[in-house]
Protein backbone atom coordinates (compact mmCIF):
# COMPACT_ATOMS: atom_id res chain seq x y z
CA MET A 1 170.60 37.32 136.52
CA LYS A 2 172.05 40.69 135.78
CA ARG A 3 172.78 42.90 132.87
CA LEU A 4 176.29 43.22 131.55
CA ASN A 5 178.17 45.31 134.11
CA GLN A 6 174.88 46.80 135.40
CA TYR A 7 175.02 49.72 132.93
CA ILE A 8 171.65 51.24 133.35
CA ARG A 9 171.74 51.82 137.08
CA ILE A 10 174.32 54.56 136.70
CA PHE A 11 174.30 55.34 132.99
CA LYS A 12 173.18 58.97 132.93
CA TYR A 13 174.59 60.25 129.66
CA ALA A 14 171.95 59.10 127.18
CA SER A 15 171.31 62.73 126.24
CA VAL A 16 174.87 62.98 124.94
CA LEU A 17 174.19 60.01 122.71
CA LEU A 18 171.04 61.56 121.30
CA VAL A 19 172.94 64.74 120.46
CA GLY A 20 175.48 62.62 118.61
CA ILE A 21 172.76 60.79 116.68
CA LEU A 22 171.21 64.06 115.61
CA GLY A 23 174.49 65.18 114.14
CA SER A 24 176.25 67.16 116.85
CA ALA A 25 179.55 65.37 117.13
CA PHE A 26 181.12 64.84 120.51
CA ALA A 27 183.63 67.54 121.37
CA ALA A 28 187.21 66.32 121.13
CA PRO A 29 190.49 68.06 120.35
CA ALA A 30 191.65 67.59 116.78
CA ALA A 31 194.76 65.80 117.98
CA GLU A 32 192.61 63.02 119.39
CA LEU A 33 190.50 62.44 116.30
CA LYS A 34 191.34 59.18 114.58
CA PRO A 35 189.57 56.64 112.38
CA LEU A 36 187.01 54.71 114.41
CA THR A 37 187.57 50.99 114.55
CA PHE A 38 185.28 48.06 115.21
CA PRO A 39 186.64 44.62 116.14
CA LEU A 40 186.17 41.83 113.63
CA LEU A 41 184.04 39.25 115.45
CA PHE A 42 183.43 36.91 112.52
CA ASP A 43 185.86 35.16 110.19
CA ALA A 44 185.19 36.55 106.71
CA ARG A 45 186.05 33.13 105.24
CA GLU A 46 183.45 31.33 107.33
CA ARG A 47 180.22 30.19 105.74
CA LEU A 48 177.02 29.67 107.71
CA ALA A 49 174.04 28.23 105.85
CA LYS A 50 170.85 30.27 105.81
CA PRO A 51 168.02 28.07 107.19
CA ASP A 52 164.64 27.99 105.51
CA LEU A 53 162.28 30.16 107.59
CA THR A 54 159.27 30.07 105.30
CA THR A 55 157.20 28.26 107.93
CA LEU A 56 158.25 30.61 110.74
CA PRO A 57 155.08 32.36 111.90
CA ARG A 58 156.81 35.13 113.84
CA LEU A 59 160.11 36.42 115.18
CA ARG A 60 159.42 38.64 118.17
CA PHE A 61 162.45 40.18 119.87
CA LEU A 62 161.97 40.99 123.56
CA THR A 63 163.89 43.99 124.85
CA THR A 64 163.79 46.88 127.31
CA LEU A 65 163.67 50.66 127.02
CA ASP A 66 166.06 51.48 129.87
CA PHE A 67 169.46 50.47 128.50
CA PRO A 68 170.75 53.43 126.42
CA PRO A 69 172.37 53.58 123.96
CA PHE A 70 171.56 49.94 123.32
CA ASN A 71 167.80 49.99 123.94
CA PHE A 72 165.67 53.05 124.76
CA ALA A 73 162.54 54.91 123.67
CA ASP A 74 162.63 57.65 121.05
CA GLU A 75 160.68 60.90 121.31
CA ALA A 76 157.52 59.10 120.21
CA GLY A 77 158.01 56.33 122.76
CA ARG A 78 159.02 53.73 120.17
CA PRO A 79 161.84 51.25 120.83
CA THR A 80 165.14 52.29 119.32
CA GLY A 81 168.85 51.92 119.98
CA PHE A 82 171.80 49.87 118.77
CA GLN A 83 170.30 46.47 119.59
CA VAL A 84 166.81 47.37 118.37
CA ASP A 85 168.17 48.49 115.00
CA LEU A 86 170.30 45.36 114.89
CA ALA A 87 167.20 43.21 115.42
CA ARG A 88 165.53 44.96 112.49
CA ALA A 89 168.63 44.50 110.35
CA ILE A 90 168.66 40.78 111.18
CA CYS A 91 165.04 40.47 110.05
CA ALA A 92 165.82 42.29 106.81
CA GLU A 93 168.83 40.05 106.17
CA LEU A 94 166.66 36.96 106.70
CA ASP A 95 163.87 38.33 104.47
CA ILE A 96 161.30 38.11 107.26
CA VAL A 97 160.57 41.79 107.91
CA ALA A 98 156.82 41.17 107.77
CA LYS A 99 157.15 38.56 110.51
CA CYS A 100 159.46 40.62 112.69
CA GLN A 101 158.24 42.26 115.90
CA ILE A 102 159.87 44.07 118.82
CA GLU A 103 158.27 44.19 122.25
CA ALA A 104 159.65 46.11 125.22
CA MET A 105 159.12 45.18 128.86
CA PRO A 106 160.90 45.45 132.23
CA PHE A 107 164.22 43.61 132.35
CA ALA A 108 163.05 41.21 135.08
CA GLU A 109 160.20 40.02 132.85
CA LEU A 110 162.31 39.06 129.84
CA ARG A 111 163.18 35.49 130.75
CA PRO A 112 159.69 34.59 132.02
CA ALA A 113 158.23 36.05 128.81
CA LEU A 114 160.56 33.92 126.67
CA ASP A 115 159.74 30.87 128.78
CA ASN A 116 156.02 31.51 128.21
CA ARG A 117 156.52 31.92 124.44
CA GLN A 118 155.59 35.58 124.42
CA GLY A 119 158.59 36.04 122.17
CA GLU A 120 161.23 34.06 120.31
CA ALA A 121 164.41 35.94 121.27
CA ILE A 122 165.84 38.33 123.88
CA ILE A 123 168.08 41.18 122.78
CA ALA A 124 168.75 43.27 125.87
CA GLY A 125 172.38 43.05 126.96
CA MET A 126 171.82 40.05 129.21
CA ALA A 127 175.03 38.68 130.73
CA VAL A 128 175.99 35.25 129.43
CA THR A 129 176.43 33.06 132.51
CA PRO A 130 176.61 29.25 132.97
CA ASP A 131 173.03 29.38 134.24
CA LEU A 132 171.90 31.21 131.11
CA ARG A 133 173.61 28.69 128.84
CA GLN A 134 171.93 25.82 130.68
CA SER A 135 168.50 27.37 130.12
CA TYR A 136 168.76 29.01 126.68
CA LEU A 137 170.51 28.93 123.34
CA VAL A 138 172.83 31.87 122.73
CA SER A 139 173.88 33.53 119.49
CA ARG A 140 177.42 34.42 118.66
CA PRO A 141 178.58 37.71 120.20
CA PHE A 142 177.92 40.71 117.99
CA MET A 143 179.74 43.27 120.14
CA VAL A 144 182.38 43.08 122.84
CA LEU A 145 182.51 45.68 125.58
CA PRO A 146 186.08 46.81 126.25
CA ALA A 147 187.86 48.24 129.26
CA ARG A 148 189.74 51.52 128.77
CA PHE A 149 192.13 53.88 130.56
CA LEU A 150 191.02 57.50 130.90
CA LYS A 151 193.79 59.80 132.17
CA ARG A 152 194.26 63.45 133.11
CA ARG A 153 195.39 65.52 130.11
CA GLU A 154 198.27 67.22 131.91
CA LEU A 155 200.03 63.94 132.58
CA PRO A 156 202.54 63.00 129.89
CA VAL A 157 202.28 59.58 128.32
CA GLU A 158 205.43 58.03 126.93
CA GLY A 159 204.66 54.68 125.45
CA PRO A 160 201.84 52.53 126.82
CA ALA A 161 199.81 54.30 129.48
CA ALA A 162 200.01 51.25 131.69
CA LEU A 163 203.77 51.84 131.93
CA SER A 164 203.65 55.64 132.16
CA LEU A 165 201.16 55.43 135.02
CA ALA A 166 203.27 53.02 137.07
CA GLY A 167 203.11 53.96 140.73
CA GLN A 168 200.35 56.55 140.21
CA ALA A 169 196.81 56.39 141.56
CA VAL A 170 194.46 54.78 139.07
CA GLY A 171 190.81 54.72 140.08
CA VAL A 172 188.50 51.75 139.60
CA VAL A 173 185.08 50.72 140.89
CA GLU A 174 185.49 48.48 143.92
CA LYS A 175 184.57 44.80 143.73
CA SER A 176 184.06 45.09 139.96
CA ALA A 177 185.41 42.93 137.17
CA HIS A 178 187.54 45.89 136.14
CA GLU A 179 189.19 46.04 139.56
CA ALA A 180 190.12 42.38 139.31
CA MET A 181 191.33 42.90 135.75
CA LEU A 182 193.43 45.94 136.69
CA LYS A 183 195.16 44.09 139.52
CA ALA A 184 195.82 41.00 137.40
CA TRP A 185 196.98 42.70 134.21
CA PHE A 186 198.68 45.84 135.53
CA PRO A 187 200.37 45.04 138.87
CA ALA A 188 202.68 48.07 138.60
CA LEU A 189 199.77 50.49 138.94
CA LYS A 190 198.37 51.76 142.22
CA PRO A 191 194.63 50.96 142.26
CA VAL A 192 192.31 53.22 144.23
CA ALA A 193 188.81 51.78 144.69
CA PHE A 194 185.62 53.87 144.55
CA LYS A 195 182.11 52.78 145.44
CA ASP A 196 180.63 53.59 142.00
CA TYR A 197 181.28 55.36 138.70
CA ALA A 198 179.96 58.69 139.95
CA ALA A 199 182.58 58.74 142.69
CA LEU A 200 185.27 57.49 140.30
CA THR A 201 184.69 60.07 137.58
CA GLY A 202 184.22 62.85 140.15
CA ALA A 203 187.66 62.11 141.58
CA LEU A 204 189.15 62.06 138.10
CA ALA A 205 187.55 65.38 137.13
CA ASN A 206 188.87 66.99 140.32
CA GLY A 207 192.40 65.69 139.82
CA LYS A 208 192.39 63.41 142.85
CA ILE A 209 193.59 60.48 140.75
CA ALA A 210 195.81 60.31 137.70
CA ALA A 211 193.55 58.05 135.67
CA ALA A 212 190.57 55.72 135.74
CA PHE A 213 190.24 52.19 134.45
CA GLY A 214 186.82 50.81 133.69
CA ASP A 215 184.02 50.17 131.28
CA GLY A 216 184.73 51.69 127.88
CA VAL A 217 181.10 52.69 127.28
CA ARG A 218 180.71 54.59 130.54
CA LEU A 219 184.10 56.27 130.41
CA THR A 220 183.74 57.27 126.76
CA PHE A 221 180.34 58.88 127.24
CA TRP A 222 181.33 60.57 130.48
CA ASN A 223 184.47 61.98 128.85
CA ALA A 224 182.28 63.50 126.11
CA SER A 225 179.94 65.10 128.65
CA ALA A 226 180.05 68.53 130.28
CA ASP A 227 180.78 66.89 133.64
CA ALA A 228 184.25 65.93 132.44
CA ARG A 229 185.17 69.58 131.77
CA ASN A 230 187.59 68.42 129.06
CA CYS A 231 189.85 67.08 131.80
CA CYS A 232 190.87 63.81 130.32
CA GLN A 233 191.66 61.65 127.33
CA LEU A 234 191.33 57.97 126.51
CA VAL A 235 194.64 56.15 126.18
CA ASP A 236 195.67 52.58 125.48
CA GLY A 237 193.39 49.68 124.81
CA PRO A 238 190.82 48.59 124.14
CA TYR A 239 191.22 45.71 126.55
CA VAL A 240 188.86 42.75 126.21
CA SER A 241 188.78 39.57 128.25
CA ASP A 242 186.28 36.71 128.36
CA GLN A 243 187.58 35.85 131.81
CA PHE A 244 186.92 39.25 133.35
CA LEU A 245 184.40 40.97 131.05
CA GLY A 246 182.41 38.09 129.62
CA GLU A 247 181.68 37.02 126.06
CA GLY A 248 180.04 40.24 124.91
CA LEU A 249 176.54 41.06 123.71
CA THR A 250 174.47 38.14 122.41
CA ILE A 251 170.87 37.15 121.62
CA GLN A 252 169.11 34.43 123.61
CA PHE A 253 166.56 31.84 122.41
CA ALA A 254 164.44 29.07 123.91
CA PRO A 255 166.32 25.74 124.06
CA ASP A 256 164.30 24.21 121.22
CA GLU A 257 164.91 27.09 118.79
CA SER A 258 168.17 25.85 117.27
CA LEU A 259 166.98 26.66 113.73
CA LEU A 260 166.31 30.25 114.73
CA GLN A 261 169.68 30.46 116.46
CA GLN A 262 171.38 29.26 113.28
CA ALA A 263 169.44 31.78 111.21
CA VAL A 264 170.43 34.68 113.45
CA ASP A 265 174.08 33.61 113.45
CA HIS A 266 173.94 33.50 109.64
CA ALA A 267 172.46 37.02 109.60
CA LEU A 268 175.09 38.37 112.01
CA LEU A 269 177.89 36.95 109.89
CA SER A 270 176.36 38.43 106.75
CA LEU A 271 175.83 41.84 108.36
CA SER A 272 179.42 41.84 109.56
CA ARG A 273 180.77 40.91 106.12
CA LYS A 274 178.71 43.63 104.41
CA GLY A 275 179.84 46.29 106.89
CA ARG A 276 176.32 46.82 108.18
CA LEU A 277 177.26 45.87 111.74
CA LYS A 278 179.99 48.51 111.74
CA GLU A 279 177.56 51.10 110.34
CA LEU A 280 175.20 50.53 113.27
CA TYR A 281 178.11 50.80 115.68
CA LEU A 282 179.19 54.14 114.22
CA ARG A 283 175.61 55.45 114.40
CA TYR A 284 175.29 54.88 118.12
CA PHE A 285 178.92 55.21 119.16
CA PRO A 286 180.18 58.08 116.99
CA TYR A 287 182.95 58.83 119.46
CA GLY A 288 184.18 55.25 119.34
CA LEU A 289 184.83 52.63 122.01
CA TYR A 290 187.87 50.85 120.61
């Protein structure tokens, strides 16, 4: 069991996020500024019934504090982040705020805690695998995590970057889903594999490669950091693929909690229709991912 794309092991730009939340916008040339978009994950015409939860004694979401910007601790040590605020919004939408709780614990303890009924749901960026689906119920995805191209600024782009970069060195993390995706979708590019994102972005900052292809969250936050030295810009995409990148972020429940699963799906659809889901996205990803 692993977290989507193993973010937290190398995600070191949470401080940039916090600056953005407090109102200091990420630095970007005016020419790059554009309206931020958020993919529509729910059909606005769809109707999902709201189950009766009057007899529900509690809805405790289990999460972690080491997955910024999705889940982390604020200055007072309280759980916060995109998924934590989403959990609270779900409870408000279902009119069960008084019954709603959030408990943080180490990632490895989440599934055992759910199995032992220490909570009713997991919201922690857990990868949806066949094994997970055999053991738990899963909500509809509320966010997909795209792949992006990040290229050196001095390189001209005429048309799609995937065509302009043909024959040039494009870095990617070795043995990753993004490496497989790059080779399958963009055979004209020249992939150069790096052991991790630190090595990949270091090579990009130093001009050793023309561009990088990888996780949109990591590349976006790195590009907004001082380490990037304003070297690069995001181009093309976003690229999403169930085959290579998975279904996206979901919420997990015990196998006998179908009523709760239906209630959460109803809340997610309602939050999407009202624009609340997009508001949360813009709060924690002010620079945009798509």
